[in-house]
Amino acid sequence: MKYQHKELASGRWNNLTFFEQMANVGSEVGRAINWRKKDNNDYSWKAFERALELIDLTISDQRNVRRLKELVRVRECLADYFAFDNSFGSTDKKWQNYFFAFNYAARVR
């Protein structure tokens, strides 16, 4: 597999806490949302792909095995929101609020 985040994929990702991992996923989701608002679908799609890559790295981190159900659901909902019909009824604001909590938790630690 070809990774956008080569350094993270090579093992550095597993050195981050769960909150830091999710905050980084949230940064890419935020970029995807912002580029979509600016009507730049190409950049938005690339940021979405990077977010999926990071969520996949988070899923594969063995320390997160107890969080697997939530992580897989987040991945499913992100894909639904950015690539499919948005059948879960997600909004930009809901995604920003969801990931803000991880960003806050990562900074507090």
N, C-alpha and C. Protein backbone atom coordinates (compact mmCIF):
# COMPACT_ATOMS: atom_id res chain seq x y z
N MET A 1 0.84 -1.18 0.00
CA MET A 1 0.00 0.00 0.00
C MET A 1 0.88 1.24 0.00
N LYS A 2 0.50 2.23 -0.76
CA LYS A 2 1.23 3.49 -0.83
C LYS A 2 0.62 4.48 0.15
N TYR A 3 1.42 4.93 1.12
CA TYR A 3 0.93 5.83 2.16
C TYR A 3 1.29 7.27 1.85
N GLN A 4 0.36 8.18 2.18
CA GLN A 4 0.64 9.61 2.12
C GLN A 4 1.51 10.01 3.31
N HIS A 5 1.21 9.43 4.46
CA HIS A 5 1.93 9.71 5.70
C HIS A 5 2.95 8.60 5.94
N LYS A 6 3.99 8.59 5.15
CA LYS A 6 4.98 7.50 5.19
C LYS A 6 5.66 7.35 6.56
N GLU A 7 6.04 8.46 7.15
CA GLU A 7 6.73 8.41 8.43
C GLU A 7 5.80 7.88 9.53
N LEU A 8 4.56 8.30 9.51
CA LEU A 8 3.60 7.81 10.50
C LEU A 8 3.31 6.33 10.29
N ALA A 9 3.17 5.93 9.04
CA ALA A 9 2.84 4.54 8.72
C ALA A 9 3.99 3.60 9.08
N SER A 10 5.20 4.12 9.10
CA SER A 10 6.36 3.26 9.39
C SER A 10 6.52 2.98 10.88
N GLY A 11 5.61 3.45 11.70
CA GLY A 11 5.65 3.10 13.11
C GLY A 11 5.50 4.26 14.07
N ARG A 12 5.74 5.46 13.60
CA ARG A 12 5.63 6.62 14.49
C ARG A 12 4.20 6.84 14.98
N TRP A 13 3.22 6.42 14.19
CA TRP A 13 1.82 6.58 14.55
C TRP A 13 1.51 5.88 15.88
N ASN A 14 2.12 4.73 16.08
CA ASN A 14 1.86 3.96 17.29
C ASN A 14 2.49 4.58 18.53
N ASN A 15 3.32 5.60 18.36
CA ASN A 15 3.88 6.31 19.50
C ASN A 15 2.96 7.41 20.01
N LEU A 16 1.96 7.76 19.22
CA LEU A 16 1.00 8.79 19.61
C LEU A 16 -0.07 8.19 20.50
N THR A 17 -0.64 9.01 21.39
CA THR A 17 -1.76 8.55 22.20
C THR A 17 -3.00 8.44 21.31
N PHE A 18 -4.00 7.76 21.81
CA PHE A 18 -5.26 7.65 21.07
C PHE A 18 -5.83 9.03 20.77
N PHE A 19 -5.79 9.92 21.76
CA PHE A 19 -6.33 11.27 21.56
C PHE A 19 -5.56 12.02 20.48
N GLU A 20 -4.24 11.88 20.47
CA GLU A 20 -3.43 12.52 19.43
C GLU A 20 -3.73 11.93 18.06
N GLN A 21 -3.90 10.63 17.99
CA GLN A 21 -4.25 9.99 16.72
C GLN A 21 -5.56 10.54 16.18
N MET A 22 -6.57 10.57 17.04
CA MET A 22 -7.89 11.03 16.59
C MET A 22 -7.88 12.53 16.28
N ALA A 23 -7.10 13.30 17.00
CA ALA A 23 -6.99 14.73 16.69
C ALA A 23 -6.37 14.93 15.31
N ASN A 24 -5.41 14.10 14.95
CA ASN A 24 -4.81 14.18 13.61
C ASN A 24 -5.80 13.76 12.53
N VAL A 25 -6.58 12.75 12.80
CA VAL A 25 -7.64 12.37 11.85
C VAL A 25 -8.58 13.56 11.68
N GLY A 26 -8.94 14.17 12.81
CA GLY A 26 -9.84 15.32 12.77
C GLY A 26 -9.29 16.49 11.98
N SER A 27 -7.97 16.68 12.02
CA SER A 27 -7.36 17.75 11.23
C SER A 27 -7.58 17.52 9.74
N GLU A 28 -7.41 16.29 9.31
CA GLU A 28 -7.63 15.98 7.89
C GLU A 28 -9.11 16.11 7.52
N VAL A 29 -9.98 15.69 8.42
CA VAL A 29 -11.43 15.84 8.17
C VAL A 29 -11.77 17.32 8.07
N GLY A 30 -11.19 18.11 8.96
CA GLY A 30 -11.41 19.56 8.90
C GLY A 30 -10.93 20.17 7.60
N ARG A 31 -9.78 19.71 7.11
CA ARG A 31 -9.29 20.19 5.82
C ARG A 31 -10.25 19.80 4.69
N ALA A 32 -10.73 18.57 4.74
CA ALA A 32 -11.67 18.11 3.71
C ALA A 32 -12.93 18.97 3.71
N ILE A 33 -13.42 19.28 4.89
CA ILE A 33 -14.61 20.13 5.01
C ILE A 33 -14.33 21.53 4.47
N ASN A 34 -13.20 22.11 4.88
CA ASN A 34 -12.86 23.47 4.45
C ASN A 34 -12.67 23.56 2.94
N TRP A 35 -12.00 22.58 2.34
CA TRP A 35 -11.81 22.62 0.89
C TRP A 35 -13.13 22.43 0.17
N ARG A 36 -14.01 21.61 0.72
CA ARG A 36 -15.32 21.44 0.09
C ARG A 36 -16.11 22.73 0.14
N LYS A 37 -16.03 23.47 1.24
CA LYS A 37 -16.71 24.76 1.36
C LYS A 37 -16.17 25.76 0.34
N LYS A 38 -14.88 25.62 0.01
CA LYS A 38 -14.26 26.51 -0.98
C LYS A 38 -14.47 26.00 -2.40
N ASP A 39 -15.26 24.94 -2.52
CA ASP A 39 -15.61 24.35 -3.82
C ASP A 39 -14.40 23.76 -4.55
N ASN A 40 -13.44 23.28 -3.79
CA ASN A 40 -12.27 22.61 -4.37
C ASN A 40 -12.39 21.13 -4.05
N ASN A 41 -13.14 20.43 -4.88
CA ASN A 41 -13.43 19.01 -4.63
C ASN A 41 -12.20 18.12 -4.71
N ASP A 42 -11.23 18.49 -5.53
CA ASP A 42 -10.01 17.69 -5.63
C ASP A 42 -9.23 17.69 -4.32
N TYR A 43 -8.98 18.87 -3.77
CA TYR A 43 -8.26 18.96 -2.50
C TYR A 43 -9.07 18.35 -1.36
N SER A 44 -10.38 18.54 -1.40
CA SER A 44 -11.25 17.96 -0.38
C SER A 44 -11.16 16.44 -0.40
N TRP A 45 -11.19 15.87 -1.59
CA TRP A 45 -11.10 14.41 -1.73
C TRP A 45 -9.75 13.89 -1.23
N LYS A 46 -8.68 14.60 -1.54
CA LYS A 46 -7.35 14.18 -1.09
C LYS A 46 -7.25 14.22 0.44
N ALA A 47 -7.81 15.25 1.05
CA ALA A 47 -7.81 15.34 2.52
C ALA A 47 -8.65 14.22 3.12
N PHE A 48 -9.76 13.91 2.48
CA PHE A 48 -10.60 12.79 2.93
C PHE A 48 -9.83 11.47 2.85
N GLU A 49 -9.10 11.26 1.77
CA GLU A 49 -8.29 10.04 1.63
C GLU A 49 -7.22 9.96 2.72
N ARG A 50 -6.60 11.10 3.04
CA ARG A 50 -5.60 11.11 4.11
C ARG A 50 -6.25 10.81 5.46
N ALA A 51 -7.47 11.32 5.67
CA ALA A 51 -8.19 11.03 6.91
C ALA A 51 -8.47 9.53 7.02
N LEU A 52 -8.88 8.91 5.91
CA LEU A 52 -9.12 7.46 5.92
C LEU A 52 -7.83 6.70 6.22
N GLU A 53 -6.74 7.16 5.65
CA GLU A 53 -5.46 6.51 5.91
C GLU A 53 -5.12 6.56 7.40
N LEU A 54 -5.32 7.72 8.01
CA LEU A 54 -5.01 7.87 9.43
C LEU A 54 -5.97 7.06 10.31
N ILE A 55 -7.23 7.01 9.94
CA ILE A 55 -8.17 6.21 10.74
C ILE A 55 -7.83 4.73 10.59
N ASP A 56 -7.37 4.32 9.41
CA ASP A 56 -6.94 2.93 9.23
C ASP A 56 -5.72 2.61 10.08
N LEU A 57 -4.78 3.56 10.18
CA LEU A 57 -3.61 3.36 11.05
C LEU A 57 -4.05 3.27 12.52
N THR A 58 -5.04 4.05 12.89
CA THR A 58 -5.56 4.02 14.25
C THR A 58 -6.25 2.68 14.52
N ILE A 59 -7.00 2.20 13.56
CA ILE A 59 -7.68 0.90 13.70
C ILE A 59 -6.65 -0.22 13.85
N SER A 60 -5.55 -0.12 13.12
CA SER A 60 -4.55 -1.20 13.15
C SER A 60 -3.66 -1.15 14.39
N ASP A 61 -3.72 -0.06 15.16
CA ASP A 61 -2.93 0.05 16.38
C ASP A 61 -3.54 -0.88 17.44
N GLN A 62 -2.77 -1.85 17.88
CA GLN A 62 -3.26 -2.87 18.82
C GLN A 62 -3.71 -2.29 20.15
N ARG A 63 -3.22 -1.13 20.52
CA ARG A 63 -3.65 -0.51 21.78
C ARG A 63 -5.10 -0.07 21.72
N ASN A 64 -5.65 0.06 20.51
CA ASN A 64 -7.01 0.57 20.35
C ASN A 64 -8.03 -0.53 20.14
N VAL A 65 -7.69 -1.75 20.46
CA VAL A 65 -8.58 -2.87 20.18
C VAL A 65 -9.93 -2.73 20.89
N ARG A 66 -9.94 -2.15 22.08
CA ARG A 66 -11.21 -1.97 22.79
C ARG A 66 -12.06 -0.86 22.18
N ARG A 67 -11.47 -0.04 21.36
CA ARG A 67 -12.19 1.05 20.71
C ARG A 67 -12.55 0.71 19.25
N LEU A 68 -12.31 -0.51 18.87
CA LEU A 68 -12.45 -0.91 17.48
C LEU A 68 -13.85 -0.64 16.93
N LYS A 69 -14.88 -0.93 17.71
CA LYS A 69 -16.25 -0.73 17.25
C LYS A 69 -16.50 0.74 16.89
N GLU A 70 -16.08 1.65 17.76
CA GLU A 70 -16.25 3.08 17.48
C GLU A 70 -15.43 3.51 16.26
N LEU A 71 -14.20 3.04 16.20
CA LEU A 71 -13.31 3.45 15.10
C LEU A 71 -13.84 3.00 13.74
N VAL A 72 -14.32 1.78 13.68
CA VAL A 72 -14.85 1.26 12.42
C VAL A 72 -16.12 2.01 12.04
N ARG A 73 -16.94 2.36 13.04
CA ARG A 73 -18.15 3.13 12.76
C ARG A 73 -17.80 4.54 12.28
N VAL A 74 -16.81 5.16 12.88
CA VAL A 74 -16.37 6.49 12.44
C VAL A 74 -15.92 6.43 10.99
N ARG A 75 -15.16 5.40 10.65
CA ARG A 75 -14.69 5.24 9.27
C ARG A 75 -15.87 5.09 8.32
N GLU A 76 -16.82 4.27 8.72
CA GLU A 76 -18.01 4.05 7.89
C GLU A 76 -18.79 5.35 7.70
N CYS A 77 -18.97 6.10 8.77
CA CYS A 77 -19.72 7.36 8.68
C CYS A 77 -18.99 8.42 7.87
N LEU A 78 -17.66 8.47 8.01
CA LEU A 78 -16.88 9.41 7.18
C LEU A 78 -17.02 9.08 5.71
N ALA A 79 -16.90 7.80 5.38
CA ALA A 79 -17.05 7.39 3.98
C ALA A 79 -18.45 7.73 3.48
N ASP A 80 -19.45 7.49 4.30
CA ASP A 80 -20.82 7.81 3.92
C ASP A 80 -20.98 9.30 3.68
N TYR A 81 -20.36 10.12 4.52
CA TYR A 81 -20.51 11.57 4.43
C TYR A 81 -19.80 12.15 3.21
N PHE A 82 -18.58 11.72 2.98
CA PHE A 82 -17.80 12.32 1.90
C PHE A 82 -17.95 11.63 0.55
N ALA A 83 -18.26 10.34 0.53
CA ALA A 83 -18.24 9.60 -0.74
C ALA A 83 -19.59 9.03 -1.16
N PHE A 84 -20.54 8.96 -0.22
CA PHE A 84 -21.81 8.31 -0.56
C PHE A 84 -22.99 9.23 -0.29
N ASP A 85 -24.10 8.69 0.16
CA ASP A 85 -25.38 9.41 0.24
C ASP A 85 -25.59 10.19 1.54
N ASN A 86 -24.69 10.10 2.49
CA ASN A 86 -24.86 10.69 3.81
C ASN A 86 -26.15 10.19 4.46
N SER A 87 -26.33 8.89 4.42
CA SER A 87 -27.53 8.29 4.98
C SER A 87 -27.58 8.38 6.51
N PHE A 88 -26.44 8.68 7.15
CA PHE A 88 -26.43 8.84 8.60
C PHE A 88 -26.78 10.27 9.02
N GLY A 89 -26.89 11.17 8.07
CA GLY A 89 -27.28 12.55 8.37
C GLY A 89 -26.19 13.38 9.04
N SER A 90 -24.95 13.11 8.70
CA SER A 90 -23.84 13.88 9.27
C SER A 90 -23.83 15.30 8.71
N THR A 91 -23.22 16.20 9.47
CA THR A 91 -23.03 17.57 9.02
C THR A 91 -21.59 17.99 9.31
N ASP A 92 -21.17 19.07 8.67
CA ASP A 92 -19.84 19.60 8.94
C ASP A 92 -19.68 19.89 10.43
N LYS A 93 -20.67 20.52 11.01
CA LYS A 93 -20.62 20.91 12.42
C LYS A 93 -20.52 19.69 13.34
N LYS A 94 -21.26 18.64 13.04
CA LYS A 94 -21.20 17.43 13.87
C LYS A 94 -19.81 16.81 13.84
N TRP A 95 -19.18 16.77 12.66
CA TRP A 95 -17.83 16.22 12.55
C TRP A 95 -16.84 17.11 13.28
N GLN A 96 -16.98 18.41 13.15
CA GLN A 96 -16.07 19.32 13.83
C GLN A 96 -16.20 19.18 15.35
N ASN A 97 -17.41 19.06 15.84
CA ASN A 97 -17.62 18.88 17.28
C ASN A 97 -17.06 17.55 17.76
N TYR A 98 -17.26 16.50 17.00
CA TYR A 98 -16.76 15.18 17.38
C TYR A 98 -15.25 15.20 17.53
N PHE A 99 -14.56 15.73 16.55
CA PHE A 99 -13.10 15.71 16.59
C PHE A 99 -12.51 16.79 17.50
N PHE A 100 -13.27 17.84 17.77
CA PHE A 100 -12.78 18.87 18.70
C PHE A 100 -12.51 18.28 20.08
N ALA A 101 -13.35 17.37 20.50
CA ALA A 101 -13.16 16.74 21.82
C ALA A 101 -11.81 16.02 21.91
N PHE A 102 -11.41 15.36 20.83
CA PHE A 102 -10.11 14.67 20.83
C PHE A 102 -8.96 15.68 20.81
N ASN A 103 -9.14 16.75 20.06
CA ASN A 103 -8.12 17.79 20.02
C ASN A 103 -7.93 18.39 21.40
N TYR A 104 -9.02 18.66 22.07
CA TYR A 104 -8.97 19.23 23.43
C TYR A 104 -8.28 18.25 24.38
N ALA A 105 -8.68 16.99 24.33
CA ALA A 105 -8.10 15.98 25.22
C ALA A 105 -6.61 15.81 24.97
N ALA A 106 -6.20 15.85 23.71
CA ALA A 106 -4.78 15.71 23.38
C ALA A 106 -3.98 16.89 23.93
N ARG A 107 -4.54 18.08 23.90
CA ARG A 107 -3.84 19.28 24.37
C ARG A 107 -3.79 19.32 25.90
N VAL A 108 -4.81 18.84 26.55
CA VAL A 108 -4.86 18.86 28.01
C VAL A 108 -3.81 17.94 28.60
N ARG A 109 -3.59 16.81 27.94
CA ARG A 109 -2.61 15.84 28.43
C ARG A 109 -1.25 16.42 28.27
